Amino acid sequence: MNGRGLDAPASVSTPFDFSRRNRARTAGSILIVFLLVALSAFVVISFFGVIRIGEARVFETVLCEKFDKNGKPIEKTTFDGDEERLYCFASVSAFEDTEIEARWLKGNTLAARFKGDFGKIAGRFCGRFISSRGHVKFALESPRTGFLPGSYRVEIFLDGKQVSRLSFSVRESRERVRLESKYTDDMRHFSIGYPANWQSADSSSLGGALAGFISMENGTYPPRVAVVLTKFESVSLDYLNGILSASGTKGEEFFSGYSLGDRAGARRKFNWQYEGHEGLSLTSIQVLIQGNGCVYGIDCHSLSGEFEKNLPVFNAIINSFRLKD
């Protein structure tokens, strides 16, 4: 007696039960294999760039001459002509290697062009196969004599396709800095302008510069500009600011992107003490321009208390710099 009763059948597995469990296990194994194969195929296809998730597009473009304290552009479509530079600020969704290009035109004449990969221009990590959203800005630098009045436009391209176009106008400049004199160095392949009331300075007084100019105005420390040949290998912001960071330079004195026409460059402003001259407080602009296999530097120095007064002249001199191929 086993407690089940005489007529209770024993619990046994039939061939049908075994077959059903085998089929279930087989189906589960097939599903797992299928998912692994599909996942592997997706990874391989994505790795070689056959498919991408998302799309490259521009959501918004804004023109401005300055930004608010939160870094947002203060939108304008009409400018006075005496601005240091004009900006096109764009909100973009793109891949790391999406080529983004900005073309500035006056009428049908190309005034400046800047081109590069979205990841580098946006200055942030971006996916190669999954689109990321970020902000980019392009600057149109004032020419030597200021912006000419008239109608302009800026066109934005993604991978060679035009995706945005903005028109703007420039009024007659209220105040224009005139650079009546010009210095040309054929051996070093550059030229630069300077005002009539400035004179060439001895290179030894400017640290062995390729060329230097100093205002003839009286004062403790007249404003001055020097053109130098730097030891930098590139104008990449990561490279330059990495050097500054390693030297302990504050973030607000780091380089930002800059260009003269289609020449890539970088620019920064910083304060320092001129210990060799009664500890004077100076403010300087350092502009780097890459070309002819080297990196040129344009260094502008002024007493800190007189910097804003001298800034328009500095900008005009910087923007007059030209490299010859």
C-alpha atoms as a PDB file:
ATOM      1  CA  MET A   1       0.000   0.000   0.000  1.00  0.00           C
ATOM      2  CA  ASN A   2       1.305   3.366  -0.916  1.00  0.00           C
ATOM      3  CA  GLY A   3      -1.568   5.623   0.242  1.00  0.00           C
ATOM      4  CA  ARG A   4      -2.828   6.444  -3.272  1.00  0.00           C
ATOM      5  CA  GLY A   5      -5.483   3.720  -3.320  1.00  0.00           C
ATOM      6  CA  LEU A   6      -5.647   0.595  -5.416  1.00  0.00           C
ATOM      7  CA  ASP A   7      -6.998   2.334  -8.511  1.00  0.00           C
ATOM      8  CA  ALA A   8      -4.746   5.485  -8.558  1.00  0.00           C
ATOM      9  CA  PRO A   9      -2.334   5.370 -11.532  1.00  0.00           C
ATOM     10  CA  ALA A  10       1.371   6.039 -10.987  1.00  0.00           C
ATOM     11  CA  SER A  11       2.754   9.420 -12.228  1.00  0.00           C
ATOM     12  CA  VAL A  12       4.777   8.653 -15.355  1.00  0.00           C
ATOM     13  CA  SER A  13       6.098  10.707 -18.283  1.00  0.00           C
ATOM     14  CA  THR A  14       4.798   9.733 -21.658  1.00  0.00           C
ATOM     15  CA  PRO A  15       6.726  10.020 -24.952  1.00  0.00           C
ATOM     16  CA  PHE A  16       4.416  12.938 -25.813  1.00  0.00           C
ATOM     17  CA  ASP A  17       5.540  14.864 -22.706  1.00  0.00           C
ATOM     18  CA  PHE A  18       9.225  14.356 -23.507  1.00  0.00           C
ATOM     19  CA  SER A  19       8.677  15.516 -27.089  1.00  0.00           C
ATOM     20  CA  ARG A  20       6.855  18.680 -25.969  1.00  0.00           C
ATOM     21  CA  ARG A  21       9.632  19.651 -23.537  1.00  0.00           C
ATOM     22  CA  ASN A  22      12.317  18.992 -26.163  1.00  0.00           C
ATOM     23  CA  ARG A  23      10.486  21.181 -28.660  1.00  0.00           C
ATOM     24  CA  ALA A  24      10.217  23.983 -26.067  1.00  0.00           C
ATOM     25  CA  ARG A  25      13.922  23.760 -25.260  1.00  0.00           C
ATOM     26  CA  THR A  26      14.800  23.706 -28.956  1.00  0.00           C
ATOM     27  CA  ALA A  27      12.601  26.752 -29.670  1.00  0.00           C
ATOM     28  CA  GLY A  28      14.207  28.639 -26.762  1.00  0.00           C
ATOM     29  CA  SER A  29      17.691  27.791 -28.011  1.00  0.00           C
ATOM     30  CA  ILE A  30      16.817  28.887 -31.545  1.00  0.00           C
ATOM     31  CA  LEU A  31      15.422  32.198 -30.221  1.00  0.00           C
ATOM     32  CA  ILE A  32      18.591  32.874 -28.209  1.00  0.00           C
ATOM     33  CA  VAL A  33      20.814  32.060 -31.196  1.00  0.00           C
ATOM     34  CA  PHE A  34      18.680  34.278 -33.432  1.00  0.00           C
ATOM     35  CA  LEU A  35      18.923  37.212 -30.986  1.00  0.00           C
ATOM     36  CA  LEU A  36      22.704  36.786 -30.665  1.00  0.00           C
ATOM     37  CA  VAL A  37      23.126  36.652 -34.448  1.00  0.00           C
ATOM     38  CA  ALA A  38      20.894  39.715 -34.905  1.00  0.00           C
ATOM     39  CA  LEU A  39      22.772  41.642 -32.223  1.00  0.00           C
ATOM     40  CA  SER A  40      26.139  40.680 -33.704  1.00  0.00           C
ATOM     41  CA  ALA A  41      24.989  41.680 -37.176  1.00  0.00           C
ATOM     42  CA  PHE A  42      23.758  45.044 -35.876  1.00  0.00           C
ATOM     43  CA  VAL A  43      27.066  45.728 -34.111  1.00  0.00           C
ATOM     44  CA  VAL A  44      29.123  44.757 -37.173  1.00  0.00           C
ATOM     45  CA  ILE A  45      26.957  46.772 -39.562  1.00  0.00           C
ATOM     46  CA  SER A  46      27.016  49.791 -37.244  1.00  0.00           C
ATOM     47  CA  PHE A  47      30.781  49.501 -36.751  1.00  0.00           C
ATOM     48  CA  PHE A  48      31.395  49.744 -40.477  1.00  0.00           C
ATOM     49  CA  GLY A  49      28.951  52.608 -40.783  1.00  0.00           C
ATOM     50  CA  VAL A  50      26.409  50.891 -42.997  1.00  0.00           C
ATOM     51  CA  ILE A  51      23.536  52.165 -40.877  1.00  0.00           C
ATOM     52  CA  ARG A  52      23.200  55.210 -38.629  1.00  0.00           C
ATOM     53  CA  ILE A  53      20.571  56.142 -36.102  1.00  0.00           C
ATOM     54  CA  GLY A  54      19.222  59.671 -36.471  1.00  0.00           C
ATOM     55  CA  GLU A  55      19.922  62.332 -39.084  1.00  0.00           C
ATOM     56  CA  ALA A  56      22.042  65.428 -39.599  1.00  0.00           C
ATOM     57  CA  ARG A  57      19.941  68.598 -39.493  1.00  0.00           C
ATOM     58  CA  VAL A  58      19.905  72.215 -38.316  1.00  0.00           C
ATOM     59  CA  PHE A  59      17.119  73.210 -35.929  1.00  0.00           C
ATOM     60  CA  GLU A  60      17.800  76.937 -35.574  1.00  0.00           C
ATOM     61  CA  THR A  61      20.261  79.580 -36.746  1.00  0.00           C
ATOM     62  CA  VAL A  62      20.695  83.012 -35.168  1.00  0.00           C
ATOM     63  CA  LEU A  63      22.840  86.023 -36.053  1.00  0.00           C
ATOM     64  CA  CYS A  64      24.363  88.149 -33.326  1.00  0.00           C
ATOM     65  CA  GLU A  65      27.345  90.273 -32.335  1.00  0.00           C
ATOM     66  CA  LYS A  66      27.440  89.230 -28.665  1.00  0.00           C
ATOM     67  CA  PHE A  67      26.055  86.770 -26.128  1.00  0.00           C
ATOM     68  CA  ASP A  68      24.312  87.225 -22.789  1.00  0.00           C
ATOM     69  CA  LYS A  69      25.771  86.084 -19.459  1.00  0.00           C
ATOM     70  CA  ASN A  70      24.345  82.591 -20.026  1.00  0.00           C
ATOM     71  CA  GLY A  71      26.041  82.253 -23.393  1.00  0.00           C
ATOM     72  CA  LYS A  72      22.846  82.704 -25.398  1.00  0.00           C
ATOM     73  CA  PRO A  73      23.039  84.832 -28.562  1.00  0.00           C
ATOM     74  CA  ILE A  74      21.410  88.268 -28.572  1.00  0.00           C
ATOM     75  CA  GLU A  75      19.763  88.075 -31.970  1.00  0.00           C
ATOM     76  CA  LYS A  76      20.148  90.863 -34.560  1.00  0.00           C
ATOM     77  CA  THR A  77      19.728  91.110 -38.316  1.00  0.00           C
ATOM     78  CA  THR A  78      21.038  94.669 -38.812  1.00  0.00           C
ATOM     79  CA  PHE A  79      24.522  95.694 -37.723  1.00  0.00           C
ATOM     80  CA  ASP A  80      26.355  99.013 -37.516  1.00  0.00           C
ATOM     81  CA  GLY A  81      29.566  97.986 -39.282  1.00  0.00           C
ATOM     82  CA  ASP A  82      32.000  98.789 -36.479  1.00  0.00           C
ATOM     83  CA  GLU A  83      31.573  95.431 -34.718  1.00  0.00           C
ATOM     84  CA  GLU A  84      34.669  93.378 -33.998  1.00  0.00           C
ATOM     85  CA  ARG A  85      33.006  90.287 -35.462  1.00  0.00           C
ATOM     86  CA  LEU A  86      29.584  88.875 -36.311  1.00  0.00           C
ATOM     87  CA  TYR A  87      28.414  85.423 -35.250  1.00  0.00           C
ATOM     88  CA  CYS A  88      26.170  82.779 -36.736  1.00  0.00           C
ATOM     89  CA  PHE A  89      24.972  80.534 -33.897  1.00  0.00           C
ATOM     90  CA  ALA A  90      23.308  77.255 -34.854  1.00  0.00           C
ATOM     91  CA  SER A  91      21.607  74.388 -33.024  1.00  0.00           C
ATOM     92  CA  VAL A  92      22.582  71.218 -34.886  1.00  0.00           C
ATOM     93  CA  SER A  93      21.945  67.483 -34.693  1.00  0.00           C
ATOM     94  CA  ALA A  94      24.684  65.543 -36.456  1.00  0.00           C
ATOM     95  CA  PHE A  95      27.248  62.762 -36.266  1.00  0.00           C
ATOM     96  CA  GLU A  96      30.823  63.188 -35.090  1.00  0.00           C
ATOM     97  CA  ASP A  97      32.221  63.228 -38.642  1.00  0.00           C
ATOM     98  CA  THR A  98      29.409  65.212 -40.263  1.00  0.00           C
ATOM     99  CA  GLU A  99      31.077  67.974 -42.253  1.00  0.00           C
ATOM    100  CA  ILE A 100      29.577  71.330 -41.355  1.00  0.00           C
ATOM    101  CA  GLU A 101      30.408  74.442 -43.350  1.00  0.00           C
ATOM    102  CA  ALA A 102      29.508  78.118 -43.054  1.00  0.00           C
ATOM    103  CA  ARG A 103      29.826  80.495 -46.000  1.00  0.00           C
ATOM    104  CA  TRP A 104      29.620  84.257 -45.448  1.00  0.00           C
ATOM    105  CA  LEU A 105      28.770  86.252 -48.557  1.00  0.00           C
ATOM    106  CA  LYS A 106      28.362  89.913 -49.435  1.00  0.00           C
ATOM    107  CA  GLY A 107      26.164  89.879 -52.482  1.00  0.00           C
ATOM    108  CA  ASN A 108      27.613  87.059 -54.563  1.00  0.00           C
ATOM    109  CA  THR A 109      31.153  87.541 -53.244  1.00  0.00           C
ATOM    110  CA  LEU A 110      32.497  85.046 -50.720  1.00  0.00           C
ATOM    111  CA  ALA A 111      33.696  86.962 -47.656  1.00  0.00           C
ATOM    112  CA  ALA A 112      34.776  83.987 -45.531  1.00  0.00           C
ATOM    113  CA  ARG A 113      34.305  80.257 -45.244  1.00  0.00           C
ATOM    114  CA  PHE A 114      34.820  77.835 -42.383  1.00  0.00           C
ATOM    115  CA  LYS A 115      34.581  74.054 -42.618  1.00  0.00           C
ATOM    116  CA  GLY A 116      35.169  71.190 -40.194  1.00  0.00           C
ATOM    117  CA  ASP A 117      33.756  68.077 -38.525  1.00  0.00           C
ATOM    118  CA  PHE A 118      30.773  68.633 -36.228  1.00  0.00           C
ATOM    119  CA  GLY A 119      32.400  66.879 -33.263  1.00  0.00           C
ATOM    120  CA  LYS A 120      35.444  69.161 -33.316  1.00  0.00           C
ATOM    121  CA  ILE A 121      33.510  72.375 -33.957  1.00  0.00           C
ATOM    122  CA  ALA A 122      30.924  71.629 -31.266  1.00  0.00           C
ATOM    123  CA  GLY A 123      33.742  70.826 -28.830  1.00  0.00           C
ATOM    124  CA  ARG A 124      31.941  67.911 -27.232  1.00  0.00           C
ATOM    125  CA  PHE A 125      31.700  64.126 -27.469  1.00  0.00           C
ATOM    126  CA  CYS A 126      29.446  63.075 -30.332  1.00  0.00           C
ATOM    127  CA  GLY A 127      28.424  59.658 -31.587  1.00  0.00           C
ATOM    128  CA  ARG A 128      29.819  58.342 -34.831  1.00  0.00           C
ATOM    129  CA  PHE A 129      26.755  56.285 -35.688  1.00  0.00           C
ATOM    130  CA  ILE A 130      24.140  57.891 -33.437  1.00  0.00           C
ATOM    131  CA  SER A 131      23.397  61.581 -33.984  1.00  0.00           C
ATOM    132  CA  SER A 132      23.980  64.052 -31.156  1.00  0.00           C
ATOM    133  CA  ARG A 133      22.644  67.547 -30.644  1.00  0.00           C
ATOM    134  CA  GLY A 134      24.918  70.484 -29.942  1.00  0.00           C
ATOM    135  CA  HIS A 135      25.627  74.136 -30.667  1.00  0.00           C
ATOM    136  CA  VAL A 136      28.156  75.615 -33.072  1.00  0.00           C
ATOM    137  CA  LYS A 137      29.107  79.185 -33.825  1.00  0.00           C
ATOM    138  CA  PHE A 138      30.946  80.727 -36.729  1.00  0.00           C
ATOM    139  CA  ALA A 139      32.533  84.180 -36.658  1.00  0.00           C
ATOM    140  CA  LEU A 140      32.889  86.675 -39.480  1.00  0.00           C
ATOM    141  CA  GLU A 141      35.819  88.900 -38.577  1.00  0.00           C
ATOM    142  CA  SER A 142      35.771  92.583 -39.393  1.00  0.00           C
ATOM    143  CA  PRO A 143      38.036  93.447 -42.330  1.00  0.00           C
ATOM    144  CA  ARG A 144      40.815  95.979 -41.860  1.00  0.00           C
ATOM    145  CA  THR A 145      38.614  98.957 -42.686  1.00  0.00           C
ATOM    146  CA  GLY A 146      35.466  97.638 -41.005  1.00  0.00           C
ATOM    147  CA  PHE A 147      32.413  95.975 -42.528  1.00  0.00           C
ATOM    148  CA  LEU A 148      31.258  97.613 -45.735  1.00  0.00           C
ATOM    149  CA  PRO A 149      27.595  98.648 -45.710  1.00  0.00           C
ATOM    150  CA  GLY A 150      25.219  96.502 -47.708  1.00  0.00           C
ATOM    151  CA  SER A 151      23.418  93.175 -47.806  1.00  0.00           C
ATOM    152  CA  TYR A 152      25.029  89.965 -46.581  1.00  0.00           C
ATOM    153  CA  ARG A 153      24.018  86.370 -45.976  1.00  0.00           C
ATOM    154  CA  VAL A 154      25.378  83.275 -44.277  1.00  0.00           C
ATOM    155  CA  GLU A 155      24.730  79.777 -45.595  1.00  0.00           C
ATOM    156  CA  ILE A 156      25.112  76.571 -43.571  1.00  0.00           C
ATOM    157  CA  PHE A 157      25.921  73.227 -45.225  1.00  0.00           C
ATOM    158  CA  LEU A 158      25.890  69.699 -43.799  1.00  0.00           C
ATOM    159  CA  ASP A 159      27.945  67.195 -45.815  1.00  0.00           C
ATOM    160  CA  GLY A 160      27.799  69.552 -48.792  1.00  0.00           C
ATOM    161  CA  LYS A 161      24.026  70.088 -48.689  1.00  0.00           C
ATOM    162  CA  GLN A 162      22.702  73.575 -47.893  1.00  0.00           C
ATOM    163  CA  VAL A 163      20.385  73.376 -44.879  1.00  0.00           C
ATOM    164  CA  SER A 164      20.086  76.995 -43.715  1.00  0.00           C
ATOM    165  CA  ARG A 165      20.388  80.526 -45.070  1.00  0.00           C
ATOM    166  CA  LEU A 166      20.132  83.824 -43.196  1.00  0.00           C
ATOM    167  CA  SER A 167      20.274  87.339 -44.626  1.00  0.00           C
ATOM    168  CA  PHE A 168      21.415  90.458 -42.764  1.00  0.00           C
ATOM    169  CA  SER A 169      22.496  93.999 -43.486  1.00  0.00           C
ATOM    170  CA  VAL A 170      25.269  96.323 -42.351  1.00  0.00           C
ATOM    171  CA  ARG A 171      24.780 100.058 -41.889  1.00  0.00           C
ATOM    172  CA  GLU A 172      27.490 102.633 -42.458  1.00  0.00           C
ATOM    173  CA  SER A 173      30.069 102.403 -39.655  1.00  0.00           C
ATOM    174  CA  ARG A 174      29.875 105.138 -37.046  1.00  0.00           C
ATOM    175  CA  GLU A 175      33.611 105.031 -36.502  1.00  0.00           C
ATOM    176  CA  ARG A 176      36.155 103.389 -38.776  1.00  0.00           C
ATOM    177  CA  VAL A 177      39.778 102.713 -37.891  1.00  0.00           C
ATOM    178  CA  ARG A 178      42.050 103.617 -40.779  1.00  0.00           C
ATOM    179  CA  LEU A 179      45.332 101.776 -41.332  1.00  0.00           C
ATOM    180  CA  GLU A 180      47.306 104.010 -43.672  1.00  0.00           C
ATOM    181  CA  SER A 181      50.601 102.109 -43.375  1.00  0.00           C
ATOM    182  CA  LYS A 182      51.415  98.563 -44.422  1.00  0.00           C
ATOM    183  CA  TYR A 183      54.320  96.251 -43.631  1.00  0.00           C
ATOM    184  CA  THR A 184      55.208  93.350 -45.966  1.00  0.00           C
ATOM    185  CA  ASP A 185      57.667  90.558 -45.234  1.00  0.00           C
ATOM    186  CA  ASP A 186      58.155  88.611 -48.469  1.00  0.00           C
ATOM    187  CA  MET A 187      60.569  86.155 -46.864  1.00  0.00           C
ATOM    188  CA  ARG A 188      58.067  85.218 -44.148  1.00  0.00           C
ATOM    189  CA  HIS A 189      55.104  85.482 -46.530  1.00  0.00           C
ATOM    190  CA  PHE A 190      52.896  87.924 -44.640  1.00  0.00           C
ATOM    191  CA  SER A 191      51.695  91.529 -44.581  1.00  0.00           C
ATOM    192  CA  ILE A 192      49.977  93.617 -41.921  1.00  0.00           C
ATOM    193  CA  GLY A 193      48.629  97.164 -41.656  1.00  0.00           C
ATOM    194  CA  TYR A 194      49.000  99.761 -38.897  1.00  0.00           C
ATOM    195  CA  PRO A 195      47.830 103.367 -38.272  1.00  0.00           C
ATOM    196  CA  ALA A 196      49.742 106.433 -39.462  1.00  0.00           C
ATOM    197  CA  ASN A 197      50.442 107.503 -35.887  1.00  0.00           C
ATOM    198  CA  TRP A 198      52.249 104.229 -35.169  1.00  0.00           C
ATOM    199  CA  GLN A 199      55.815 103.350 -36.124  1.00  0.00           C
ATOM    200  CA  SER A 200      57.861 100.204 -36.688  1.00  0.00           C
ATOM    201  CA  ALA A 201      59.552  99.004 -33.514  1.00  0.00           C
ATOM    202  CA  ASP A 202      62.935  97.406 -33.160  1.00  0.00           C
ATOM    203  CA  SER A 203      62.436  93.638 -33.019  1.00  0.00           C
ATOM    204  CA  SER A 204      64.835  93.352 -30.069  1.00  0.00           C
ATOM    205  CA  SER A 205      62.450  95.459 -27.989  1.00  0.00           C
ATOM    206  CA  LEU A 206      59.625  93.042 -28.794  1.00  0.00           C
ATOM    207  CA  GLY A 207      61.374  89.798 -27.949  1.00  0.00           C
ATOM    208  CA  GLY A 208      62.808  89.085 -31.399  1.00  0.00           C
ATOM    209  CA  ALA A 209      59.515  89.428 -33.259  1.00  0.00           C
ATOM    210  CA  LEU A 210      59.284  89.113 -37.046  1.00  0.00           C
ATOM    211  CA  ALA A 211      57.766  92.596 -37.066  1.00  0.00           C
ATOM    212  CA  GLY A 212      56.522  95.044 -34.471  1.00  0.00           C
ATOM    213  CA  PHE A 213      54.648  98.328 -34.272  1.00  0.00           C
ATOM    214  CA  ILE A 214      54.135 100.795 -31.458  1.00  0.00           C
ATOM    215  CA  SER A 215      51.960 103.857 -31.004  1.00  0.00           C
ATOM    216  CA  MET A 216      53.772 107.199 -30.950  1.00  0.00           C
ATOM    217  CA  GLU A 217      51.489 108.539 -28.257  1.00  0.00           C
ATOM    218  CA  ASN A 218      53.139 109.642 -25.022  1.00  0.00           C
ATOM    219  CA  GLY A 219      52.648 107.555 -21.932  1.00  0.00           C
ATOM    220  CA  THR A 220      54.151 105.020 -19.585  1.00  0.00           C
ATOM    221  CA  TYR A 221      53.449 102.092 -21.898  1.00  0.00           C
ATOM    222  CA  PRO A 222      52.139 102.937 -25.401  1.00  0.00           C
ATOM    223  CA  PRO A 223      50.075 100.160 -27.060  1.00  0.00           C
ATOM    224  CA  ARG A 224      52.058  97.836 -29.321  1.00  0.00           C
ATOM    225  CA  VAL A 225      51.677  94.860 -31.651  1.00  0.00           C
ATOM    226  CA  ALA A 226      54.178  92.152 -32.557  1.00  0.00           C
ATOM    227  CA  VAL A 227      54.090  89.424 -35.214  1.00  0.00           C
ATOM    228  CA  VAL A 228      55.985  86.316 -34.107  1.00  0.00           C
ATOM    229  CA  LEU A 229      56.722  82.832 -35.349  1.00  0.00           C
ATOM    230  CA  THR A 230      55.541  80.496 -32.582  1.00  0.00           C
ATOM    231  CA  LYS A 231      56.635  77.024 -31.564  1.00  0.00           C
ATOM    232  CA  PHE A 232      53.057  75.740 -31.621  1.00  0.00           C
ATOM    233  CA  GLU A 233      52.414  72.854 -33.978  1.00  0.00           C
ATOM    234  CA  SER A 234      48.696  73.425 -34.474  1.00  0.00           C
ATOM    235  CA  VAL A 235      45.817  75.820 -33.772  1.00  0.00           C
ATOM    236  CA  SER A 236      43.629  72.984 -32.478  1.00  0.00           C
ATOM    237  CA  LEU A 237      41.835  74.232 -29.355  1.00  0.00           C
ATOM    238  CA  ASP A 238      42.320  70.899 -27.569  1.00  0.00           C
ATOM    239  CA  TYR A 239      46.055  71.080 -28.223  1.00  0.00           C
ATOM    240  CA  LEU A 240      46.483  74.753 -27.281  1.00  0.00           C
ATOM    241  CA  ASN A 241      44.260  74.734 -24.213  1.00  0.00           C
ATOM    242  CA  GLY A 242      45.841  71.500 -23.066  1.00  0.00           C
ATOM    243  CA  ILE A 243      49.174  73.338 -22.955  1.00  0.00           C
ATOM    244  CA  LEU A 244      47.606  76.267 -21.083  1.00  0.00           C
ATOM    245  CA  SER A 245      45.863  73.953 -18.630  1.00  0.00           C
ATOM    246  CA  ALA A 246      49.126  72.146 -17.871  1.00  0.00           C
ATOM    247  CA  SER A 247      50.761  75.508 -17.113  1.00  0.00           C
ATOM    248  CA  GLY A 248      48.003  76.462 -14.661  1.00  0.00           C
ATOM    249  CA  THR A 249      46.309  79.089 -16.832  1.00  0.00           C
ATOM    250  CA  LYS A 250      42.738  79.965 -15.805  1.00  0.00           C
ATOM    251  CA  GLY A 251      39.910  78.762 -18.020  1.00  0.00           C
ATOM    252  CA  GLU A 252      38.694  82.278 -18.839  1.00  0.00           C
ATOM    253  CA  GLU A 253      42.062  82.927 -20.501  1.00  0.00           C
ATOM    254  CA  PHE A 254      41.881  79.869 -22.777  1.00  0.00           C
ATOM    255  CA  PHE A 255      41.824  80.109 -26.563  1.00  0.00           C
ATOM    256  CA  SER A 256      38.596  80.186 -28.542  1.00  0.00           C
ATOM    257  CA  GLY A 257      38.147  79.522 -32.235  1.00  0.00           C
ATOM    258  CA  TYR A 258      39.099  82.300 -34.629  1.00  0.00           C
ATOM    259  CA  SER A 259      39.704  82.687 -38.344  1.00  0.00           C
ATOM    260  CA  LEU A 260      40.956  85.252 -40.832  1.00  0.00           C
ATOM    261  CA  GLY A 261      39.129  84.588 -44.076  1.00  0.00           C
ATOM    262  CA  ASP A 262      39.595  80.876 -44.700  1.00  0.00           C
ATOM    263  CA  ARG A 263      42.642  80.647 -42.411  1.00  0.00           C
ATOM    264  CA  ALA A 264      42.017  78.660 -39.230  1.00  0.00           C
ATOM    265  CA  GLY A 265      43.225  80.166 -35.981  1.00  0.00           C
ATOM    266  CA  ALA A 266      42.653  80.791 -32.284  1.00  0.00           C
ATOM    267  CA  ARG A 267      42.362  83.860 -30.058  1.00  0.00           C
ATOM    268  CA  ARG A 268      42.519  84.657 -26.367  1.00  0.00           C
ATOM    269  CA  LYS A 269      42.713  87.659 -24.000  1.00  0.00           C
ATOM    270  CA  PHE A 270      44.670  87.618 -20.769  1.00  0.00           C
ATOM    271  CA  ASN A 271      45.983  89.905 -18.036  1.00  0.00           C
ATOM    272  CA  TRP A 272      49.520  89.940 -16.691  1.00  0.00           C
ATOM    273  CA  GLN A 273      52.059  91.951 -14.743  1.00  0.00           C
ATOM    274  CA  TYR A 274      55.001  93.476 -16.588  1.00  0.00           C
ATOM    275  CA  GLU A 275      57.536  92.951 -13.843  1.00  0.00           C
ATOM    276  CA  GLY A 276      60.358  94.529 -15.815  1.00  0.00           C
ATOM    277  CA  HIS A 277      58.611  97.890 -15.944  1.00  0.00           C
ATOM    278  CA  GLU A 278      57.481  98.874 -12.453  1.00  0.00           C
ATOM    279  CA  GLY A 279      54.990  96.014 -12.256  1.00  0.00           C
ATOM    280  CA  LEU A 280      52.579  97.468 -14.822  1.00  0.00           C
ATOM    281  CA  SER A 281      49.192  95.744 -15.237  1.00  0.00           C
ATOM    282  CA  LEU A 282      48.795  94.804 -18.885  1.00  0.00           C
ATOM    283  CA  THR A 283      46.031  93.219 -20.953  1.00  0.00           C
ATOM    284  CA  SER A 284      46.974  91.355 -24.111  1.00  0.00           C
ATOM    285  CA  ILE A 285      45.359  89.696 -27.098  1.00  0.00           C
ATOM    286  CA  GLN A 286      47.076  86.660 -28.582  1.00  0.00           C
ATOM    287  CA  VAL A 287      45.949  85.504 -32.021  1.00  0.00           C
ATOM    288  CA  LEU A 288      47.351  82.399 -33.720  1.00  0.00           C
ATOM    289  CA  ILE A 289      47.009  81.772 -37.447  1.00  0.00           C
ATOM    290  CA  GLN A 290      48.145  78.610 -39.207  1.00  0.00           C
ATOM    291  CA  GLY A 291      49.656  78.692 -42.683  1.00  0.00           C
ATOM    292  CA  ASN A 292      52.742  77.958 -44.778  1.00  0.00           C
ATOM    293  CA  GLY A 293      53.664  75.041 -42.530  1.00  0.00           C
ATOM    294  CA  CYS A 294      53.883  77.053 -39.313  1.00  0.00           C
ATOM    295  CA  VAL A 295      51.811  78.956 -36.740  1.00  0.00           C
ATOM    296  CA  TYR A 296      52.097  82.745 -36.701  1.00  0.00           C
ATOM    297  CA  GLY A 297      51.271  84.772 -33.616  1.00  0.00           C
ATOM    298  CA  ILE A 298      49.906  88.324 -33.441  1.00  0.00           C
ATOM    299  CA  ASP A 299      50.422  89.732 -29.953  1.00  0.00           C
ATOM    300  CA  CYS A 300      48.743  92.991 -28.900  1.00  0.00           C
ATOM    301  CA  HIS A 301      49.665  94.652 -25.581  1.00  0.00           C
ATOM    302  CA  SER A 302      48.156  97.594 -23.713  1.00  0.00           C
ATOM    303  CA  LEU A 303      47.879  99.002 -20.218  1.00  0.00           C
ATOM    304  CA  SER A 304      44.839  97.301 -18.691  1.00  0.00           C
ATOM    305  CA  GLY A 305      43.207 100.657 -17.938  1.00  0.00           C
ATOM    306  CA  GLU A 306      43.499 101.676 -21.604  1.00  0.00           C
ATOM    307  CA  PHE A 307      42.684  98.342 -23.204  1.00  0.00           C
ATOM    308  CA  GLU A 308      39.084  99.089 -24.236  1.00  0.00           C
ATOM    309  CA  LYS A 309      40.191 102.352 -25.865  1.00  0.00           C
ATOM    310  CA  ASN A 310      42.872 100.507 -27.859  1.00  0.00           C
ATOM    311  CA  LEU A 311      40.740  97.453 -28.742  1.00  0.00           C
ATOM    312  CA  PRO A 312      39.308  98.832 -32.043  1.00  0.00           C
ATOM    313  CA  VAL A 313      42.832  99.579 -33.280  1.00  0.00           C
ATOM    314  CA  PHE A 314      44.055  96.145 -32.202  1.00  0.00           C
ATOM    315  CA  ASN A 315      41.159  94.477 -34.022  1.00  0.00           C
ATOM    316  CA  ALA A 316      41.804  96.455 -37.187  1.00  0.00           C
ATOM    317  CA  ILE A 317      45.507  95.526 -37.152  1.00  0.00           C
ATOM    318  CA  ILE A 318      44.763  91.856 -36.474  1.00  0.00           C
ATOM    319  CA  ASN A 319      42.181  91.693 -39.257  1.00  0.00           C
ATOM    320  CA  SER A 320      44.614  93.274 -41.724  1.00  0.00           C
ATOM    321  CA  PHE A 321      47.030  90.348 -41.352  1.00  0.00           C
ATOM    322  CA  ARG A 322      47.405  88.436 -44.607  1.00  0.00           C
ATOM    323  CA  LEU A 323      49.395  85.307 -45.456  1.00  0.00           C
ATOM    324  CA  LYS A 324      50.782  84.637 -48.910  1.00  0.00           C
ATOM    325  CA  ASP A 325      50.866  81.046 -50.158  1.00  0.00           C
END
